[in-house]
Structure formats: C-alpha cells, structure tokens
Amino acid sequence: MNDIPVLASLSSPPQGFTEVLCYRDRSLYTFFTYRDDFLIVVTGDADSKFRLQTELPISALAWLADVIDVQLGWTPNDGGLPVGTALVAQEFDGETIQVCRLANTRGSGEPGFEIKNRSRYFQTTKRKREQYFEFTDEVMRAVGLVEKFRALARS
C-alpha cells in the first residue's frame, strides 16, 4: 500500500493533494485526490481538529457510484440487490472497500451510506479503527457525490 501523508491543514495540503469537493454537514467534509491514485476524504471542523482521514483507491470510485446509485438504491425488480442486503464489499488494488446502507446515519435518524476502507486504519486514543465516512441521502443528492465519484473515475 502507498504511504499517504496525513493532512494536517486545509490551507497547506501536502504535495500531490488536489481539492475536488468541499461541503459542510455538521462537520466539514473535504475531498482531495492524491497523485491521481486515491480519493482522500477528510472530516473535521477546523484545520486543527480533523477527526479522520479516509483513503480510497480511485479505481474503486466507479464501483462505489454503481453500488450506491443502483445496487443499494434500487429495488431488486429494478436491478438492485436482494431485499435485506445492506452491505457490499470488493477489493481494489489490494484494499477492501465496503459500502453499507444505513437507516440512521451518524445517529441523525436519516438514511444514508457508510463507505469504509477495511484495509486502512486510524488510531483513536483507545484502539485502531478502519477508515470510514458517512453521508445522508440528502447530502448525497445535494452535493452530487455519485456524479463526482463517476467523474473522478473517468479522469
């Protein structure tokens, strides 16, 4: 796996980071590409208070868009996954990426999704946790996340 620097400041990202999207939903979510190989999602409230950094291979983005938009977004009769399926995972460039359909995103009571890189971790004060971020359906539509994933996959 590539070693990706931890982003410490939005105002001075490390070399190779290019900002592609930023939105606020409780916290600030900033998306970067890193050397055209990874999508980096940084979640936090300010430059000095980032809570986590999630790293996803660019090669996974077309699949992510399809899983969110079609497989988990449509009924089985319309081409979606069977009823009761809420989690899908696949390996890309040696990293296992997982998408989970949520009924209670971030404890807000709103439906949405969790995207997790099960091959990369961040250290909390108590334990190592897999990298992940969550977003509601409303945010997904408002900022065009699926469309952004597709566009980055093609670039």
N, C-alpha and C. Protein backbone atom coordinates (compact mmCIF):
# COMPACT_ATOMS: atom_id res chain seq x y z
N MET A 1 0.84 -1.19 0.00
CA MET A 1 0.00 0.00 0.00
C MET A 1 0.87 1.24 0.00
N ASN A 2 0.40 2.25 -0.69
CA ASN A 2 1.12 3.52 -0.73
C ASN A 2 1.02 4.20 0.62
N ASP A 3 2.09 4.90 0.99
CA ASP A 3 2.04 5.72 2.20
C ASP A 3 1.50 7.08 1.81
N ILE A 4 0.38 7.44 2.37
CA ILE A 4 -0.26 8.72 2.07
C ILE A 4 -0.09 9.61 3.29
N PRO A 5 0.41 10.83 3.10
CA PRO A 5 0.56 11.71 4.26
C PRO A 5 -0.79 12.03 4.90
N VAL A 6 -0.76 12.26 6.20
CA VAL A 6 -1.96 12.70 6.91
C VAL A 6 -2.08 14.20 6.70
N LEU A 7 -3.25 14.63 6.29
CA LEU A 7 -3.49 16.04 6.05
C LEU A 7 -3.67 16.75 7.38
N ALA A 8 -2.80 17.70 7.68
CA ALA A 8 -2.87 18.41 8.95
C ALA A 8 -3.56 19.76 8.82
N SER A 9 -3.61 20.31 7.61
CA SER A 9 -4.18 21.64 7.42
C SER A 9 -4.81 21.76 6.05
N LEU A 10 -6.02 22.32 6.00
CA LEU A 10 -6.66 22.56 4.70
C LEU A 10 -5.95 23.66 3.94
N SER A 11 -5.36 24.60 4.64
CA SER A 11 -4.74 25.74 3.97
C SER A 11 -3.40 25.40 3.34
N SER A 12 -2.77 24.31 3.77
CA SER A 12 -1.49 23.92 3.16
C SER A 12 -1.39 22.40 3.06
N PRO A 13 -2.15 21.82 2.11
CA PRO A 13 -2.10 20.36 1.95
C PRO A 13 -0.73 19.93 1.43
N PRO A 14 -0.33 18.69 1.73
CA PRO A 14 0.95 18.18 1.24
C PRO A 14 0.99 18.14 -0.29
N GLN A 15 2.18 18.07 -0.82
CA GLN A 15 2.37 17.97 -2.27
C GLN A 15 1.65 16.73 -2.78
N GLY A 16 0.97 16.86 -3.92
CA GLY A 16 0.23 15.76 -4.51
C GLY A 16 -1.25 15.76 -4.19
N PHE A 17 -1.69 16.58 -3.23
CA PHE A 17 -3.11 16.70 -2.86
C PHE A 17 -3.76 17.79 -3.72
N THR A 18 -4.91 17.47 -4.32
CA THR A 18 -5.69 18.44 -5.09
C THR A 18 -7.13 18.40 -4.60
N GLU A 19 -7.63 19.54 -4.13
CA GLU A 19 -9.00 19.59 -3.62
C GLU A 19 -10.00 19.47 -4.76
N VAL A 20 -11.03 18.61 -4.58
CA VAL A 20 -12.04 18.42 -5.63
C VAL A 20 -13.46 18.71 -5.16
N LEU A 21 -13.70 18.73 -3.85
CA LEU A 21 -15.05 18.96 -3.34
C LEU A 21 -14.97 19.30 -1.86
N CYS A 22 -15.85 20.19 -1.44
CA CYS A 22 -15.93 20.54 -0.03
C CYS A 22 -17.39 20.85 0.29
N TYR A 23 -17.89 20.31 1.40
CA TYR A 23 -19.24 20.64 1.83
C TYR A 23 -19.31 20.55 3.35
N ARG A 24 -20.28 21.23 3.91
CA ARG A 24 -20.50 21.19 5.35
C ARG A 24 -21.81 20.48 5.64
N ASP A 25 -21.74 19.50 6.55
CA ASP A 25 -22.90 18.78 7.05
C ASP A 25 -22.54 18.34 8.47
N ARG A 26 -22.90 19.16 9.44
CA ARG A 26 -22.44 19.01 10.83
C ARG A 26 -20.95 19.34 10.92
N SER A 27 -20.12 18.61 10.20
CA SER A 27 -18.69 18.85 10.11
C SER A 27 -18.35 19.26 8.69
N LEU A 28 -17.12 19.64 8.49
CA LEU A 28 -16.63 19.96 7.17
C LEU A 28 -16.08 18.69 6.53
N TYR A 29 -16.50 18.41 5.30
CA TYR A 29 -16.00 17.27 4.53
C TYR A 29 -15.25 17.83 3.34
N THR A 30 -13.97 17.50 3.23
CA THR A 30 -13.15 17.98 2.13
C THR A 30 -12.58 16.77 1.40
N PHE A 31 -12.77 16.74 0.09
CA PHE A 31 -12.32 15.63 -0.74
C PHE A 31 -11.11 16.11 -1.55
N PHE A 32 -10.07 15.30 -1.56
CA PHE A 32 -8.87 15.57 -2.34
C PHE A 32 -8.56 14.35 -3.20
N THR A 33 -7.90 14.58 -4.32
CA THR A 33 -7.24 13.46 -4.98
C THR A 33 -5.80 13.51 -4.53
N TYR A 34 -5.17 12.36 -4.48
CA TYR A 34 -3.76 12.29 -4.13
C TYR A 34 -3.04 11.57 -5.25
N ARG A 35 -2.22 12.32 -5.97
CA ARG A 35 -1.43 11.79 -7.10
C ARG A 35 -2.28 11.00 -8.09
N ASP A 36 -3.52 11.37 -8.24
CA ASP A 36 -4.45 10.72 -9.18
C ASP A 36 -4.64 9.23 -8.91
N ASP A 37 -4.22 8.75 -7.73
CA ASP A 37 -4.37 7.34 -7.38
C ASP A 37 -5.41 7.11 -6.29
N PHE A 38 -5.62 8.12 -5.43
CA PHE A 38 -6.50 7.96 -4.29
C PHE A 38 -7.44 9.16 -4.16
N LEU A 39 -8.62 8.87 -3.62
CA LEU A 39 -9.52 9.92 -3.16
C LEU A 39 -9.35 9.96 -1.65
N ILE A 40 -9.07 11.14 -1.13
CA ILE A 40 -8.87 11.33 0.30
C ILE A 40 -10.05 12.15 0.82
N VAL A 41 -10.74 11.65 1.82
CA VAL A 41 -11.85 12.37 2.43
C VAL A 41 -11.43 12.73 3.85
N VAL A 42 -11.40 14.02 4.13
CA VAL A 42 -11.02 14.50 5.45
C VAL A 42 -12.26 15.05 6.12
N THR A 43 -12.55 14.58 7.31
CA THR A 43 -13.72 15.01 8.05
C THR A 43 -13.25 15.73 9.30
N GLY A 44 -13.75 16.92 9.51
CA GLY A 44 -13.38 17.66 10.71
C GLY A 44 -13.97 19.05 10.71
N ASP A 45 -13.81 19.73 11.82
CA ASP A 45 -14.42 21.03 11.99
C ASP A 45 -13.50 22.19 11.66
N ALA A 46 -12.21 22.02 11.80
CA ALA A 46 -11.26 23.09 11.53
C ALA A 46 -9.92 22.46 11.20
N ASP A 47 -8.99 23.28 10.71
CA ASP A 47 -7.68 22.75 10.34
C ASP A 47 -7.01 21.96 11.46
N SER A 48 -7.20 22.37 12.68
CA SER A 48 -6.51 21.70 13.77
C SER A 48 -7.36 20.62 14.46
N LYS A 49 -8.59 20.38 13.97
CA LYS A 49 -9.46 19.43 14.64
C LYS A 49 -10.01 18.35 13.71
N PHE A 50 -9.20 17.87 12.78
CA PHE A 50 -9.66 16.79 11.93
C PHE A 50 -9.91 15.56 12.78
N ARG A 51 -10.98 14.87 12.47
CA ARG A 51 -11.28 13.67 13.22
C ARG A 51 -10.80 12.43 12.50
N LEU A 52 -10.91 12.40 11.18
CA LEU A 52 -10.42 11.22 10.47
C LEU A 52 -10.16 11.52 9.00
N GLN A 53 -9.31 10.69 8.43
CA GLN A 53 -8.95 10.77 7.02
C GLN A 53 -9.21 9.40 6.43
N THR A 54 -10.02 9.36 5.36
CA THR A 54 -10.35 8.11 4.70
C THR A 54 -9.71 8.11 3.32
N GLU A 55 -9.03 7.03 2.98
CA GLU A 55 -8.30 6.92 1.72
C GLU A 55 -8.90 5.81 0.88
N LEU A 56 -9.33 6.16 -0.34
CA LEU A 56 -9.98 5.20 -1.23
C LEU A 56 -9.27 5.19 -2.58
N PRO A 57 -8.95 4.01 -3.11
CA PRO A 57 -8.34 3.96 -4.44
C PRO A 57 -9.29 4.55 -5.49
N ILE A 58 -8.77 5.35 -6.39
CA ILE A 58 -9.58 5.92 -7.48
C ILE A 58 -10.23 4.78 -8.27
N SER A 59 -9.55 3.64 -8.37
CA SER A 59 -10.09 2.50 -9.12
C SER A 59 -11.40 1.98 -8.53
N ALA A 60 -11.73 2.35 -7.30
CA ALA A 60 -12.97 1.89 -6.66
C ALA A 60 -14.15 2.83 -6.92
N LEU A 61 -13.92 4.02 -7.45
CA LEU A 61 -14.97 5.04 -7.48
C LEU A 61 -16.13 4.71 -8.42
N ALA A 62 -15.87 4.14 -9.59
CA ALA A 62 -16.98 3.77 -10.49
C ALA A 62 -17.84 2.70 -9.82
N TRP A 63 -17.21 1.75 -9.17
CA TRP A 63 -17.94 0.70 -8.44
C TRP A 63 -18.76 1.31 -7.32
N LEU A 64 -18.16 2.22 -6.53
CA LEU A 64 -18.89 2.89 -5.45
C LEU A 64 -20.14 3.59 -5.98
N ALA A 65 -19.99 4.32 -7.07
CA ALA A 65 -21.14 5.03 -7.66
C ALA A 65 -22.23 4.04 -8.04
N ASP A 66 -21.85 2.91 -8.65
CA ASP A 66 -22.83 1.91 -9.07
C ASP A 66 -23.52 1.27 -7.85
N VAL A 67 -22.75 0.95 -6.83
CA VAL A 67 -23.33 0.32 -5.64
C VAL A 67 -24.33 1.28 -4.99
N ILE A 68 -23.95 2.53 -4.82
CA ILE A 68 -24.82 3.50 -4.15
C ILE A 68 -26.04 3.81 -4.99
N ASP A 69 -25.82 4.07 -6.27
CA ASP A 69 -26.90 4.53 -7.14
C ASP A 69 -27.82 3.41 -7.60
N VAL A 70 -27.28 2.23 -7.86
CA VAL A 70 -28.08 1.16 -8.44
C VAL A 70 -28.28 0.00 -7.47
N GLN A 71 -27.21 -0.64 -7.06
CA GLN A 71 -27.33 -1.88 -6.29
C GLN A 71 -28.05 -1.69 -4.97
N LEU A 72 -27.69 -0.64 -4.22
CA LEU A 72 -28.35 -0.40 -2.93
C LEU A 72 -29.45 0.65 -3.04
N GLY A 73 -29.56 1.31 -4.17
CA GLY A 73 -30.54 2.37 -4.33
C GLY A 73 -31.82 1.96 -5.03
N TRP A 74 -31.79 0.82 -5.72
CA TRP A 74 -32.97 0.38 -6.47
C TRP A 74 -33.56 -0.88 -5.83
N THR A 75 -34.80 -1.16 -6.16
CA THR A 75 -35.43 -2.40 -5.70
C THR A 75 -34.86 -3.57 -6.49
N PRO A 76 -34.97 -4.79 -5.98
CA PRO A 76 -34.48 -5.96 -6.71
C PRO A 76 -35.11 -6.08 -8.11
N ASN A 77 -36.39 -5.75 -8.25
CA ASN A 77 -37.05 -5.84 -9.55
C ASN A 77 -36.48 -4.86 -10.56
N ASP A 78 -35.87 -3.76 -10.07
CA ASP A 78 -35.31 -2.75 -10.96
C ASP A 78 -33.80 -2.90 -11.14
N GLY A 79 -33.22 -4.00 -10.65
CA GLY A 79 -31.78 -4.24 -10.82
C GLY A 79 -30.96 -4.07 -9.56
N GLY A 80 -31.63 -3.78 -8.44
CA GLY A 80 -30.93 -3.64 -7.17
C GLY A 80 -30.64 -4.98 -6.54
N LEU A 81 -29.96 -4.94 -5.42
CA LEU A 81 -29.63 -6.16 -4.68
C LEU A 81 -30.86 -6.73 -3.98
N PRO A 82 -30.81 -8.00 -3.58
CA PRO A 82 -31.96 -8.62 -2.90
C PRO A 82 -32.36 -7.87 -1.63
N VAL A 83 -33.63 -7.93 -1.30
CA VAL A 83 -34.15 -7.31 -0.08
C VAL A 83 -33.33 -7.82 1.11
N GLY A 84 -32.98 -6.93 2.01
CA GLY A 84 -32.21 -7.30 3.19
C GLY A 84 -30.71 -7.13 3.01
N THR A 85 -30.24 -6.93 1.78
CA THR A 85 -28.81 -6.71 1.55
C THR A 85 -28.50 -5.25 1.86
N ALA A 86 -27.63 -5.03 2.80
CA ALA A 86 -27.30 -3.66 3.19
C ALA A 86 -25.81 -3.38 3.11
N LEU A 87 -25.01 -4.39 2.79
CA LEU A 87 -23.56 -4.24 2.79
C LEU A 87 -22.96 -4.94 1.59
N VAL A 88 -22.05 -4.25 0.91
CA VAL A 88 -21.35 -4.81 -0.25
C VAL A 88 -19.89 -4.44 -0.10
N ALA A 89 -18.98 -5.39 -0.40
CA ALA A 89 -17.55 -5.11 -0.32
C ALA A 89 -16.86 -5.72 -1.53
N GLN A 90 -15.76 -5.07 -1.93
CA GLN A 90 -14.98 -5.57 -3.05
C GLN A 90 -13.55 -5.08 -2.89
N GLU A 91 -12.60 -5.83 -3.46
CA GLU A 91 -11.19 -5.46 -3.37
C GLU A 91 -10.75 -4.68 -4.60
N PHE A 92 -9.98 -3.61 -4.36
CA PHE A 92 -9.41 -2.78 -5.41
C PHE A 92 -7.96 -2.50 -5.05
N ASP A 93 -7.06 -2.85 -5.94
CA ASP A 93 -5.63 -2.59 -5.72
C ASP A 93 -5.18 -3.08 -4.34
N GLY A 94 -5.68 -4.24 -3.92
CA GLY A 94 -5.28 -4.83 -2.65
C GLY A 94 -5.96 -4.25 -1.43
N GLU A 95 -6.97 -3.39 -1.63
CA GLU A 95 -7.67 -2.76 -0.50
C GLU A 95 -9.15 -3.12 -0.57
N THR A 96 -9.71 -3.53 0.55
CA THR A 96 -11.12 -3.92 0.60
C THR A 96 -11.97 -2.69 0.92
N ILE A 97 -12.83 -2.32 -0.03
CA ILE A 97 -13.71 -1.18 0.12
C ILE A 97 -15.12 -1.72 0.37
N GLN A 98 -15.79 -1.13 1.34
CA GLN A 98 -17.12 -1.59 1.75
C GLN A 98 -18.10 -0.43 1.72
N VAL A 99 -19.31 -0.71 1.23
CA VAL A 99 -20.41 0.26 1.27
C VAL A 99 -21.53 -0.36 2.07
N CYS A 100 -22.06 0.39 2.99
CA CYS A 100 -23.15 -0.10 3.83
C CYS A 100 -24.31 0.89 3.77
N ARG A 101 -25.50 0.39 3.55
CA ARG A 101 -26.71 1.22 3.58
C ARG A 101 -27.10 1.40 5.04
N LEU A 102 -27.32 2.64 5.44
CA LEU A 102 -27.64 2.95 6.83
C LEU A 102 -29.06 3.51 6.95
N ALA A 103 -29.73 3.17 8.01
CA ALA A 103 -31.05 3.74 8.29
C ALA A 103 -30.93 4.92 9.25
N ASN A 104 -29.81 5.02 9.95
CA ASN A 104 -29.64 6.03 10.98
C ASN A 104 -28.24 6.64 10.86
N THR A 105 -28.00 7.37 9.80
CA THR A 105 -26.67 7.91 9.52
C THR A 105 -26.23 8.88 10.61
N ARG A 106 -25.06 8.61 11.18
CA ARG A 106 -24.47 9.43 12.24
C ARG A 106 -25.43 9.70 13.38
N GLY A 107 -26.37 8.80 13.61
CA GLY A 107 -27.33 8.96 14.70
C GLY A 107 -28.36 10.04 14.45
N SER A 108 -28.50 10.46 13.18
CA SER A 108 -29.41 11.56 12.85
C SER A 108 -30.82 11.10 12.54
N GLY A 109 -31.02 9.78 12.42
CA GLY A 109 -32.32 9.26 12.04
C GLY A 109 -32.59 9.33 10.56
N GLU A 110 -31.59 9.76 9.78
CA GLU A 110 -31.75 9.88 8.34
C GLU A 110 -31.06 8.72 7.63
N PRO A 111 -31.63 8.25 6.52
CA PRO A 111 -30.97 7.19 5.75
C PRO A 111 -29.75 7.73 5.03
N GLY A 112 -28.81 6.84 4.79
CA GLY A 112 -27.60 7.25 4.09
C GLY A 112 -26.67 6.07 3.87
N PHE A 113 -25.38 6.35 3.78
CA PHE A 113 -24.39 5.34 3.46
C PHE A 113 -23.14 5.53 4.30
N GLU A 114 -22.43 4.43 4.53
CA GLU A 114 -21.10 4.45 5.11
C GLU A 114 -20.16 3.83 4.09
N ILE A 115 -19.06 4.51 3.82
CA ILE A 115 -18.01 3.96 2.96
C ILE A 115 -16.81 3.73 3.85
N LYS A 116 -16.28 2.51 3.78
CA LYS A 116 -15.19 2.12 4.67
C LYS A 116 -14.07 1.49 3.86
N ASN A 117 -12.83 1.83 4.20
CA ASN A 117 -11.67 1.12 3.67
C ASN A 117 -11.24 0.17 4.77
N ARG A 118 -11.54 -1.10 4.59
CA ARG A 118 -11.26 -2.10 5.62
C ARG A 118 -9.79 -2.49 5.67
N SER A 119 -8.98 -1.92 4.78
CA SER A 119 -7.55 -2.23 4.73
C SER A 119 -6.69 -1.13 5.34
N ARG A 120 -7.29 -0.01 5.68
CA ARG A 120 -6.54 1.12 6.25
C ARG A 120 -7.18 1.53 7.58
N TYR A 121 -6.36 2.02 8.48
CA TYR A 121 -6.82 2.30 9.84
C TYR A 121 -6.39 3.69 10.29
N PHE A 122 -7.11 4.20 11.29
CA PHE A 122 -6.65 5.37 12.02
C PHE A 122 -6.66 5.00 13.49
N GLN A 123 -5.80 5.64 14.24
CA GLN A 123 -5.64 5.32 15.65
C GLN A 123 -6.45 6.28 16.50
N THR A 124 -7.33 5.75 17.32
CA THR A 124 -8.02 6.58 18.32
C THR A 124 -7.23 6.44 19.62
N THR A 125 -7.67 7.12 20.64
CA THR A 125 -6.97 7.00 21.92
C THR A 125 -7.10 5.61 22.51
N LYS A 126 -8.15 4.87 22.10
CA LYS A 126 -8.39 3.54 22.69
C LYS A 126 -8.05 2.38 21.77
N ARG A 127 -8.18 2.58 20.44
CA ARG A 127 -7.96 1.44 19.54
C ARG A 127 -7.76 1.89 18.11
N LYS A 128 -7.37 0.93 17.27
CA LYS A 128 -7.29 1.18 15.83
C LYS A 128 -8.67 0.96 15.23
N ARG A 129 -9.08 1.87 14.31
CA ARG A 129 -10.38 1.73 13.65
C ARG A 129 -10.18 1.82 12.15
N GLU A 130 -11.01 1.07 11.43
CA GLU A 130 -10.96 1.15 9.97
C GLU A 130 -11.38 2.54 9.53
N GLN A 131 -10.77 3.03 8.45
CA GLN A 131 -11.12 4.35 7.92
C GLN A 131 -12.52 4.30 7.32
N TYR A 132 -13.31 5.35 7.58
CA TYR A 132 -14.66 5.40 7.03
C TYR A 132 -15.17 6.83 7.04
N PHE A 133 -16.22 7.06 6.27
CA PHE A 133 -17.00 8.29 6.40
C PHE A 133 -18.44 7.97 6.04
N GLU A 134 -19.37 8.79 6.54
CA GLU A 134 -20.80 8.59 6.31
C GLU A 134 -21.42 9.84 5.72
N PHE A 135 -22.50 9.65 4.97
CA PHE A 135 -23.25 10.77 4.43
C PHE A 135 -24.70 10.36 4.26
N THR A 136 -25.59 11.33 4.42
CA THR A 136 -27.02 11.07 4.27
C THR A 136 -27.41 11.08 2.80
N ASP A 137 -28.58 10.51 2.51
CA ASP A 137 -29.11 10.58 1.13
C ASP A 137 -29.27 12.02 0.68
N GLU A 138 -29.73 12.86 1.61
CA GLU A 138 -29.95 14.27 1.28
C GLU A 138 -28.65 14.95 0.86
N VAL A 139 -27.59 14.73 1.61
CA VAL A 139 -26.29 15.31 1.27
C VAL A 139 -25.79 14.73 -0.06
N MET A 140 -25.95 13.42 -0.24
CA MET A 140 -25.51 12.78 -1.47
C MET A 140 -26.11 13.46 -2.68
N ARG A 141 -27.40 13.74 -2.62
CA ARG A 141 -28.08 14.40 -3.75
C ARG A 141 -27.67 15.87 -3.86
N ALA A 142 -27.59 16.56 -2.73
CA ALA A 142 -27.31 18.00 -2.74
C ALA A 142 -25.93 18.32 -3.30
N VAL A 143 -24.93 17.52 -2.98
CA VAL A 143 -23.57 17.81 -3.45
C VAL A 143 -23.16 16.96 -4.65
N GLY A 144 -24.03 16.05 -5.08
CA GLY A 144 -23.74 15.23 -6.25
C GLY A 144 -22.59 14.25 -6.06
N LEU A 145 -22.57 13.56 -4.92
CA LEU A 145 -21.46 12.64 -4.64
C LEU A 145 -21.33 11.53 -5.67
N VAL A 146 -22.43 10.92 -6.06
CA VAL A 146 -22.36 9.82 -7.03
C VAL A 146 -21.78 10.34 -8.35
N GLU A 147 -22.26 11.48 -8.79
CA GLU A 147 -21.76 12.08 -10.04
C GLU A 147 -20.27 12.43 -9.91
N LYS A 148 -19.86 12.93 -8.74
CA LYS A 148 -18.45 13.26 -8.53
C LYS A 148 -17.59 12.00 -8.56
N PHE A 149 -18.07 10.92 -7.93
CA PHE A 149 -17.33 9.65 -7.98
C PHE A 149 -17.16 9.19 -9.43
N ARG A 150 -18.23 9.26 -10.21
CA ARG A 150 -18.14 8.84 -11.62
C ARG A 150 -17.17 9.71 -12.41
N ALA A 151 -17.22 11.02 -12.20
CA ALA A 151 -16.33 11.94 -12.92
C ALA A 151 -14.86 11.68 -12.56
N LEU A 152 -14.58 11.46 -11.28
CA LEU A 152 -13.20 11.19 -10.87
C LEU A 152 -12.71 9.84 -11.40
N ALA A 153 -13.61 8.88 -11.51
CA ALA A 153 -13.24 7.56 -12.04
C ALA A 153 -12.84 7.65 -13.51
N ARG A 154 -13.44 8.58 -14.24
CA ARG A 154 -13.15 8.74 -15.67
C ARG A 154 -11.91 9.60 -15.92
N SER A 155 -11.52 10.41 -14.96
CA SER A 155 -10.40 11.33 -15.21
C SER A 155 -9.05 10.66 -15.09
